[in-house]
Protein backbone atom coordinates (compact mmCIF):
# COMPACT_ATOMS: atom_id res chain seq x y z
CA UNK A 1 -6.05 -7.87 5.74
CA UNK A 2 -3.94 -5.47 7.71
CA UNK A 3 -5.47 -2.97 9.97
CA UNK A 4 -4.63 -0.16 7.37
CA UNK A 5 -6.37 -2.33 4.58
CA UNK A 6 -9.24 -3.03 6.84
CA UNK A 7 -9.57 0.92 7.45
CA UNK A 8 -9.47 1.51 3.84
CA UNK A 9 -12.07 -0.85 3.33
CA UNK A 10 -14.48 1.01 5.82
CA UNK A 11 -13.77 4.33 4.16
CA UNK A 12 -14.54 3.16 0.75
CA UNK A 13 -17.70 1.33 1.60
CA UNK A 14 -18.92 4.03 3.56
CA UNK A 15 -18.17 6.69 0.77
CA UNK A 16 -18.93 4.37 -2.22
CA UNK A 17 -21.08 1.25 -1.60
CA UNK A 18 -21.51 -1.04 -4.28
CA UNK A 19 -23.52 -0.10 -7.01
CA UNK A 20 -23.41 3.37 -6.38
CA UNK A 21 -22.95 6.14 -8.85
CA UNK A 22 -21.88 9.43 -7.77
CA UNK A 23 -21.78 12.44 -10.18
CA UNK A 24 -20.65 15.90 -10.09
CA UNK A 25 -23.86 17.37 -11.05
CA UNK A 26 -27.42 16.40 -10.06
CA UNK A 27 -28.73 15.01 -6.48
CA UNK A 28 -25.12 13.55 -5.59
CA UNK A 29 -23.07 16.82 -6.54
CA UNK A 30 -22.43 17.66 -3.05
CA UNK A 31 -21.13 14.30 -2.39
CA UNK A 32 -18.90 14.37 -5.41
CA UNK A 33 -17.53 17.80 -3.94
CA UNK A 34 -16.85 16.18 -0.62
CA UNK A 35 -15.15 13.12 -2.13
CA UNK A 36 -12.84 15.21 -4.61
CA UNK A 37 -12.85 18.84 -3.44
CA UNK A 38 -13.99 20.00 -6.71
CA UNK A 39 -17.21 21.73 -7.60
CA UNK A 40 -19.28 20.78 -10.86
CA UNK A 41 -18.92 24.59 -11.87
CA UNK A 42 -15.07 24.19 -11.68
CA UNK A 43 -15.21 21.04 -14.20
CA UNK A 44 -17.42 22.73 -16.61
CA UNK A 45 -15.44 26.16 -16.67
CA UNK A 46 -12.17 24.01 -17.38
CA UNK A 47 -14.05 22.04 -20.18
CA UNK A 48 -15.44 25.34 -21.84
CA UNK A 49 -11.82 26.41 -22.25
CA UNK A 50 -10.95 23.05 -23.80
CA UNK A 51 -9.63 21.33 -20.78
CA UNK A 52 -10.08 17.72 -19.83
CA UNK A 53 -10.19 18.07 -15.80
CA UNK A 54 -11.93 15.36 -13.90
CA UNK A 55 -11.47 14.53 -10.01
CA UNK A 56 -9.47 11.37 -10.25
CA UNK A 57 -6.50 13.22 -8.39
CA UNK A 58 -8.91 14.75 -5.94
CA UNK A 59 -10.61 11.41 -5.03
CA UNK A 60 -7.21 9.90 -4.31
CA UNK A 61 -6.21 13.00 -2.46
CA UNK A 62 -9.27 12.68 -0.09
CA UNK A 63 -8.79 8.84 0.12
CA UNK A 64 -5.17 9.36 1.30
CA UNK A 65 -6.09 12.23 3.66
CA UNK A 66 -8.82 9.73 5.35
CA UNK A 67 -6.46 7.21 5.94
CA UNK A 68 -4.07 9.59 7.77
CA UNK A 69 -1.83 10.62 5.36
CA UNK A 70 0.01 14.05 6.11
CA UNK A 71 1.14 14.26 2.43
CA UNK A 72 -1.68 14.89 -0.16
CA UNK A 73 -1.87 12.04 -2.36
CA UNK A 74 -3.77 13.47 -5.28
CA UNK A 75 -0.96 13.54 -7.97
CA UNK A 76 0.07 11.66 -10.61
CA UNK A 77 3.51 11.42 -9.78
CA UNK A 78 2.91 8.95 -6.96
CA UNK A 79 6.41 7.56 -7.05
CA UNK A 80 7.85 11.16 -6.37
CA UNK A 81 5.29 12.19 -3.62
CA UNK A 82 6.05 9.21 -1.42
CA UNK A 83 9.81 9.93 -1.62
CA UNK A 84 8.82 13.65 -0.27
CA UNK A 85 6.88 11.98 2.36
CA UNK A 86 10.06 9.86 3.53
CA UNK A 87 8.40 6.52 2.29
CA UNK A 88 10.17 5.94 -0.89
CA UNK A 89 10.02 2.00 -0.28
CA UNK A 90 6.22 2.15 -0.41
CA UNK A 91 6.41 2.81 -4.39
CA UNK A 92 5.93 -0.44 -6.08
CA UNK A 93 6.71 -0.53 -9.56
CA UNK A 94 4.27 -2.65 -11.93
CA UNK A 95 5.77 -5.78 -13.14
CA UNK A 96 4.65 -9.33 -14.58
CA UNK A 97 5.54 -10.71 -11.16
CA UNK A 98 3.71 -8.65 -8.77
CA UNK A 99 -0.07 -7.24 -8.18
CA UNK A 100 -1.60 -4.25 -6.04
CA UNK A 101 -3.73 -5.20 -2.88
CA UNK A 102 -6.76 -3.85 -1.71
CA UNK A 103 -6.61 -0.15 -0.76
CA UNK A 104 -3.41 0.52 -2.78
CA UNK A 105 -3.34 3.74 -4.61
CA UNK A 106 -2.93 2.95 -8.42
CA UNK A 107 -0.96 4.87 -10.90
CA UNK A 108 -2.23 3.93 -14.58
CA UNK A 109 0.00 4.22 -17.68
CA UNK A 110 -2.72 6.43 -19.29
CA UNK A 111 -2.37 9.24 -16.88
CA UNK A 112 -5.05 8.21 -14.24
CA UNK A 113 -5.12 7.56 -10.74
CA UNK A 114 -7.53 5.41 -8.59
CA UNK A 115 -7.86 2.76 -5.65
CA UNK A 116 -7.42 -1.06 -5.92
CA UNK A 117 -10.42 -3.05 -4.78
CA UNK A 118 -8.50 -6.23 -4.86
CA UNK A 119 -9.39 -8.93 -7.63
CA UNK A 120 -11.93 -11.30 -8.79
CA UNK A 121 -10.09 -13.88 -10.27
CA UNK A 122 -7.94 -12.27 -12.81
CA UNK A 123 -10.04 -9.25 -13.11
CA UNK A 124 -8.75 -5.85 -11.34
CA UNK A 125 -11.43 -4.09 -9.01
CA UNK A 126 -11.04 -0.37 -8.68
CA UNK A 127 -12.69 2.78 -7.02
CA UNK A 128 -12.22 5.51 -9.19
CA UNK A 129 -13.41 9.16 -10.09
CA UNK A 130 -12.75 10.47 -13.51
CA UNK A 131 -15.27 8.27 -15.19
CA UNK A 132 -17.09 11.18 -16.90
CA UNK A 133 -16.12 14.30 -18.57
CA UNK A 134 -17.60 16.86 -20.85
CA UNK A 135 -19.21 14.48 -23.12
CA UNK A 136 -21.03 12.77 -20.27
CA UNK A 137 -22.12 16.33 -18.94
CA UNK A 138 -20.26 15.69 -15.63
CA UNK A 139 -17.85 13.57 -13.86
CA UNK A 140 -18.47 10.17 -12.28
CA UNK A 141 -16.91 8.49 -9.34
CA UNK A 142 -18.02 4.63 -9.22
CA UNK A 143 -16.60 1.17 -8.66
CA UNK A 144 -15.17 -0.70 -11.91
CA UNK A 145 -14.61 -4.19 -12.67
CA UNK A 146 -11.93 -5.04 -15.24
CA UNK A 147 -13.28 -6.48 -18.54
CA UNK A 148 -10.35 -8.42 -19.54
CA UNK A 149 -7.55 -10.25 -17.72
CA UNK A 150 -5.33 -8.16 -15.77
CA UNK A 151 -2.31 -6.64 -17.83
CA UNK A 152 0.48 -5.14 -15.34
CA UNK A 153 1.77 -3.09 -18.40
CA UNK A 154 -1.32 -0.73 -17.77
CA UNK A 155 0.02 0.30 -14.55
CA UNK A 156 3.03 2.41 -13.77
CA UNK A 157 3.12 1.16 -10.37
CA UNK A 158 1.19 1.91 -6.93
CA UNK A 159 1.47 2.89 -3.16
CA UNK A 160 1.75 0.02 -0.92
CA UNK A 161 -0.56 1.05 2.05
CA UNK A 162 1.27 -1.45 4.27
CA UNK A 163 4.57 0.27 3.38
CA UNK A 164 3.26 3.68 3.49
CA UNK A 165 1.58 3.73 6.76
CA UNK A 166 4.02 1.24 8.36
CA UNK A 167 5.64 2.41 11.78
CA UNK A 168 9.08 3.52 11.73
CA UNK A 169 11.75 1.79 13.77
CA UNK A 170 12.75 3.01 17.19
CA UNK A 171 14.24 6.23 17.27
CA UNK A 172 17.05 4.74 19.23
CA UNK A 173 18.09 3.09 15.97
CA UNK A 174 19.08 5.41 12.94
CA UNK A 175 18.80 4.00 9.39
CA UNK A 176 22.58 3.79 9.35
CA UNK A 177 22.58 1.66 12.58
CA UNK A 178 19.86 -0.59 11.00
CA UNK A 179 21.58 -1.12 7.70
CA UNK A 180 22.77 -4.47 8.56
CA UNK A 181 19.31 -5.65 9.11
CA UNK A 182 17.35 -4.38 6.19
CA UNK A 183 16.79 -7.00 3.02
CA UNK A 184 16.41 -10.68 3.09
CA UNK A 185 16.59 -13.19 5.62
CA UNK A 186 15.94 -16.81 5.79
CA UNK A 187 14.10 -17.88 8.81
CA UNK A 188 13.35 -21.25 10.34
CA UNK A 189 11.20 -22.84 12.92
CA UNK A 190 11.19 -26.21 11.50
CA UNK A 191 9.68 -24.66 8.27
CA UNK A 192 11.41 -22.29 6.00
CA UNK A 193 10.35 -18.74 5.39
CA UNK A 194 11.92 -15.61 3.90
CA UNK A 195 11.68 -12.36 5.76
CA UNK A 196 12.27 -8.84 4.24
CA UNK A 197 12.96 -5.85 6.54
CA UNK A 198 12.36 -2.53 5.19
CA UNK A 199 14.15 0.60 6.34
CA UNK A 200 10.73 2.27 7.17
CA UNK A 201 10.43 -0.52 9.97
CA UNK A 202 7.95 -2.76 8.04
CA UNK A 203 8.71 -6.38 7.72
CA UNK A 204 7.12 -8.89 5.20
CA UNK A 205 7.41 -12.70 4.57
CA UNK A 206 7.09 -15.09 1.70
CA UNK A 207 7.82 -18.81 1.26
CA UNK A 208 9.18 -18.17 -2.50
CA UNK A 209 12.98 -18.45 -1.98
CA UNK A 210 14.97 -15.11 -3.14
CA UNK A 211 18.30 -14.22 -3.23
CA UNK A 212 20.19 -11.31 -1.63
CA UNK A 213 19.37 -9.17 -4.78
CA UNK A 214 15.72 -10.08 -5.11
CA UNK A 215 13.41 -7.13 -4.68
CA UNK A 216 10.58 -7.05 -1.79
CA UNK A 217 8.02 -9.91 -1.91
CA UNK A 218 5.48 -9.31 -4.78
CA UNK A 219 2.91 -11.33 -2.94
CA UNK A 220 3.76 -11.25 0.77
CA UNK A 221 1.95 -13.75 3.06
CA UNK A 222 1.88 -11.21 5.77
CA UNK A 223 3.02 -7.80 6.85
CA UNK A 224 4.11 -6.67 10.45
CA UNK A 225 6.28 -4.01 11.94
CA UNK A 226 9.46 -4.16 13.87
CA UNK A 227 11.00 -2.00 16.54
CA UNK A 228 13.99 -2.42 19.14
CA UNK A 229 12.77 -2.44 22.84
CA UNK A 230 16.40 -2.37 23.98
CA UNK A 231 19.77 -2.69 22.32
CA UNK A 232 20.18 -6.42 20.83
CA UNK A 233 16.22 -6.93 21.14
CA UNK A 234 14.37 -6.68 18.06
CA UNK A 235 10.57 -7.26 18.39
CA UNK A 236 8.41 -8.15 15.29
CA UNK A 237 4.61 -7.71 15.63
CA UNK A 238 2.46 -9.57 12.83
CA UNK A 239 -0.67 -8.78 11.48
CA UNK A 240 -3.45 -10.75 13.13
CA UNK A 241 -3.73 -13.92 10.93
CA UNK A 242 -4.89 -17.66 11.57
CA UNK A 243 -6.86 -16.75 14.64
CA UNK A 244 -4.40 -14.39 16.44
CA UNK A 245 -1.55 -11.89 16.58
CA UNK A 246 2.20 -13.09 16.47
CA UNK A 247 5.01 -11.45 18.09
CA UNK A 248 8.65 -12.81 17.72
CA UNK A 249 11.38 -11.51 19.93
CA UNK A 250 15.06 -11.80 18.57
CA UNK A 251 17.54 -11.60 21.59
CA UNK A 252 20.81 -11.40 19.73
CA UNK A 253 19.95 -8.66 17.16
CA UNK A 254 23.17 -6.81 17.22
CA UNK A 255 24.90 -4.55 15.14
CA UNK A 256 26.25 -6.50 11.88
CA UNK A 257 24.69 -9.72 13.11
CA UNK A 258 24.24 -12.42 10.47
CA UNK A 259 22.14 -14.63 12.44
CA UNK A 260 19.50 -14.12 15.14
CA UNK A 261 17.36 -16.47 17.47
CA UNK A 262 14.05 -15.69 18.61
CA UNK A 263 10.99 -16.82 20.49
CA UNK A 264 7.48 -16.56 19.47
CA UNK A 265 4.19 -16.28 21.44
CA UNK A 266 2.49 -18.76 19.11
CA UNK A 267 5.04 -20.87 17.31
CA UNK A 268 8.01 -22.80 17.67
CA UNK A 269 11.63 -20.88 18.40
CA UNK A 270 13.24 -19.38 15.21
CA UNK A 271 16.54 -18.92 13.91
CA UNK A 272 17.22 -16.27 11.01
CA UNK A 273 20.14 -16.03 8.77
CA UNK A 274 21.01 -12.95 6.74
CA UNK A 275 21.03 -13.69 2.90
CA UNK A 276 24.31 -11.96 1.68
């Protein structure tokens, strides 16, 4: 996993270990308030007035803040909030061709938000508040395991952690100046790969051949960051994989280039060609 997803795992494992149930009342009430910002009395007062308040938003808000988000992520309109945060590309619409990854913040079609804990085969695993309510006598935070095969129609979409927390490109290169780079490139070092460059300074790759109009990778094989160290030099730093970190340096990454050449600290020289 990427560094941000490793951080997500540490946060969730510490706050909500496996087989743990945290309730808004009783012995774990303090922990519940810590993880949601909501006291049981607030919930009870809401329920007494006919409300259906739970801590699902509070939990994702707490989680996002622990990850370092300066924007509060405890909302239902996740797509709108990442746009306001300047990370619109981090919103991923749920389709039959993609799946969330560990740590992504999920927006369910049923007006609920929680956190993806990956998959066990075809079963979605989650960490979620909002698992109780008035009839249960209190709200509940716990880990959940899907009871049926994953159905993408039950999610509206999710915040992709790699894209949301990805580093921005060098300030010396504006979004407009980098427009030629964004999108799909075919890359070869003897084998063929397909790189997708996001405006946020994130790059992902896949081995599934796209067209120039294909959306970003549904199941990227790795994620990295890119930056300019000087004019015409593009540096890609991939998340560690296969025993080490990979840096690729493209020397002819000039404005409106359609072909770039690179060296790698671990693999053979590369040639990248823009898909158009």
